[in-house]
């Protein structure tokens, strides 16, 4: 896991949750952190901007998306995959 990606994603999630990055645990869900659907969409936009990637996420049908938002660790892993794809192409 790239520390740079991990730290940036945690910082984005912490900002949305109005928490300190140290309070964001890898096994936390966005719900655990108090992030609602609007906060999720804002987080996705911030991640896309920070990493210059396009996240395959449909806010209207999040369960149909290929982007795993089940936990902070899953989000970091998904972002790393997208960043790797971006770098490869």
C-alpha atoms as a PDB file:
ATOM      1  CA  UNK A   1       0.000   0.000   0.000  1.00  0.00           C
ATOM      2  CA  UNK A   2       1.475   3.319  -1.058  1.00  0.00           C
ATOM      3  CA  UNK A   3       1.841   5.589   1.972  1.00  0.00           C
ATOM      4  CA  UNK A   4       1.270   8.643  -0.244  1.00  0.00           C
ATOM      5  CA  UNK A   5      -2.066   7.349  -1.552  1.00  0.00           C
ATOM      6  CA  UNK A   6      -3.100   6.150   1.903  1.00  0.00           C
ATOM      7  CA  UNK A   7      -2.266   9.474   3.574  1.00  0.00           C
ATOM      8  CA  UNK A   8      -4.035  11.552   0.901  1.00  0.00           C
ATOM      9  CA  UNK A   9      -7.188   9.414   0.964  1.00  0.00           C
ATOM     10  CA  UNK A  10      -7.303   9.456   4.773  1.00  0.00           C
ATOM     11  CA  UNK A  11      -6.825  13.250   4.757  1.00  0.00           C
ATOM     12  CA  UNK A  12      -9.736  13.653   2.302  1.00  0.00           C
ATOM     13  CA  UNK A  13     -12.003  11.350   4.323  1.00  0.00           C
ATOM     14  CA  UNK A  14     -11.003  13.028   7.602  1.00  0.00           C
ATOM     15  CA  UNK A  15     -11.820  16.447   6.153  1.00  0.00           C
ATOM     16  CA  UNK A  16     -15.294  15.257   5.091  1.00  0.00           C
ATOM     17  CA  UNK A  17     -15.893  13.689   8.498  1.00  0.00           C
ATOM     18  CA  UNK A  18     -14.521  16.764  10.321  1.00  0.00           C
ATOM     19  CA  UNK A  19     -12.029  14.535  12.126  1.00  0.00           C
ATOM     20  CA  UNK A  20      -8.288  14.428  12.570  1.00  0.00           C
ATOM     21  CA  UNK A  21      -6.589  11.986  10.143  1.00  0.00           C
ATOM     22  CA  UNK A  22      -5.383   9.998  13.175  1.00  0.00           C
ATOM     23  CA  UNK A  23      -9.035   9.331  14.082  1.00  0.00           C
ATOM     24  CA  UNK A  24      -9.726   7.622  10.727  1.00  0.00           C
ATOM     25  CA  UNK A  25      -9.150   3.885  11.149  1.00  0.00           C
ATOM     26  CA  UNK A  26      -8.574   1.499   8.242  1.00  0.00           C
ATOM     27  CA  UNK A  27     -11.559  -0.683   9.179  1.00  0.00           C
ATOM     28  CA  UNK A  28     -13.937   2.268   9.645  1.00  0.00           C
ATOM     29  CA  UNK A  29     -16.890   2.578   7.309  1.00  0.00           C
ATOM     30  CA  UNK A  30     -17.947   5.977   6.026  1.00  0.00           C
ATOM     31  CA  UNK A  31     -21.093   5.551   8.103  1.00  0.00           C
ATOM     32  CA  UNK A  32     -18.947   4.968  11.228  1.00  0.00           C
ATOM     33  CA  UNK A  33     -17.233   8.279  10.488  1.00  0.00           C
ATOM     34  CA  UNK A  34     -20.516  10.140  10.062  1.00  0.00           C
ATOM     35  CA  UNK A  35     -20.135  10.704   6.315  1.00  0.00           C
ATOM     36  CA  UNK A  36     -23.502  10.834   4.555  1.00  0.00           C
ATOM     37  CA  UNK A  37     -24.242  10.394   0.846  1.00  0.00           C
ATOM     38  CA  UNK A  38     -23.395  14.028   0.053  1.00  0.00           C
ATOM     39  CA  UNK A  39     -20.128  13.708   1.958  1.00  0.00           C
ATOM     40  CA  UNK A  40     -19.396  10.532   0.008  1.00  0.00           C
ATOM     41  CA  UNK A  41     -19.918  12.298  -3.325  1.00  0.00           C
ATOM     42  CA  UNK A  42     -17.726  15.203  -2.182  1.00  0.00           C
ATOM     43  CA  UNK A  43     -15.062  12.705  -1.081  1.00  0.00           C
ATOM     44  CA  UNK A  44     -15.166  10.987  -4.486  1.00  0.00           C
ATOM     45  CA  UNK A  45     -14.762  14.346  -6.272  1.00  0.00           C
ATOM     46  CA  UNK A  46     -11.859  15.268  -3.984  1.00  0.00           C
ATOM     47  CA  UNK A  47     -10.176  11.890  -4.620  1.00  0.00           C
ATOM     48  CA  UNK A  48     -10.618  12.291  -8.386  1.00  0.00           C
ATOM     49  CA  UNK A  49      -9.078  15.758  -8.237  1.00  0.00           C
ATOM     50  CA  UNK A  50      -6.216  14.797  -5.909  1.00  0.00           C
ATOM     51  CA  UNK A  51      -5.118  11.817  -8.002  1.00  0.00           C
ATOM     52  CA  UNK A  52      -6.267  12.950 -11.470  1.00  0.00           C
ATOM     53  CA  UNK A  53      -8.347   9.783 -11.888  1.00  0.00           C
ATOM     54  CA  UNK A  54     -11.927   8.983 -12.801  1.00  0.00           C
ATOM     55  CA  UNK A  55     -13.714   6.965 -10.126  1.00  0.00           C
ATOM     56  CA  UNK A  56     -16.324   4.528 -11.478  1.00  0.00           C
ATOM     57  CA  UNK A  57     -18.995   5.498  -8.979  1.00  0.00           C
ATOM     58  CA  UNK A  58     -22.700   6.140  -9.448  1.00  0.00           C
ATOM     59  CA  UNK A  59     -24.052   8.136  -6.510  1.00  0.00           C
ATOM     60  CA  UNK A  60     -27.607   7.130  -7.401  1.00  0.00           C
ATOM     61  CA  UNK A  61     -26.738   3.420  -7.212  1.00  0.00           C
ATOM     62  CA  UNK A  62     -23.628   3.086  -5.030  1.00  0.00           C
ATOM     63  CA  UNK A  63     -24.136  -0.659  -4.632  1.00  0.00           C
ATOM     64  CA  UNK A  64     -23.909  -1.035  -8.440  1.00  0.00           C
ATOM     65  CA  UNK A  65     -20.529   0.696  -8.651  1.00  0.00           C
ATOM     66  CA  UNK A  66     -17.213  -1.029  -9.239  1.00  0.00           C
ATOM     67  CA  UNK A  67     -15.689   1.226  -6.580  1.00  0.00           C
ATOM     68  CA  UNK A  68     -15.629  -0.465  -3.153  1.00  0.00           C
ATOM     69  CA  UNK A  69     -16.661   1.950  -0.390  1.00  0.00           C
ATOM     70  CA  UNK A  70     -17.180  -0.679   2.318  1.00  0.00           C
ATOM     71  CA  UNK A  71     -14.303   0.609   4.475  1.00  0.00           C
ATOM     72  CA  UNK A  72     -11.464   3.127   4.476  1.00  0.00           C
ATOM     73  CA  UNK A  73      -9.029   0.328   3.565  1.00  0.00           C
ATOM     74  CA  UNK A  74     -11.244  -0.733   0.620  1.00  0.00           C
ATOM     75  CA  UNK A  75     -11.386   2.852  -0.667  1.00  0.00           C
ATOM     76  CA  UNK A  76      -7.600   3.197  -0.432  1.00  0.00           C
ATOM     77  CA  UNK A  77      -7.133  -0.109  -2.247  1.00  0.00           C
ATOM     78  CA  UNK A  78      -9.560   0.920  -4.999  1.00  0.00           C
ATOM     79  CA  UNK A  79      -7.817   4.287  -5.426  1.00  0.00           C
ATOM     80  CA  UNK A  80      -4.421   2.563  -5.635  1.00  0.00           C
ATOM     81  CA  UNK A  81      -5.792   0.339  -8.401  1.00  0.00           C
ATOM     82  CA  UNK A  82      -7.107   3.329 -10.342  1.00  0.00           C
ATOM     83  CA  UNK A  83      -3.844   5.235  -9.899  1.00  0.00           C
ATOM     84  CA  UNK A  84      -1.888   2.186 -11.132  1.00  0.00           C
ATOM     85  CA  UNK A  85      -4.158   1.928 -14.200  1.00  0.00           C
ATOM     86  CA  UNK A  86      -3.670   5.646 -14.890  1.00  0.00           C
ATOM     87  CA  UNK A  87       0.105   5.289 -14.607  1.00  0.00           C
ATOM     88  CA  UNK A  88       0.163   2.247 -16.908  1.00  0.00           C
ATOM     89  CA  UNK A  89      -1.744   3.947 -19.714  1.00  0.00           C
END
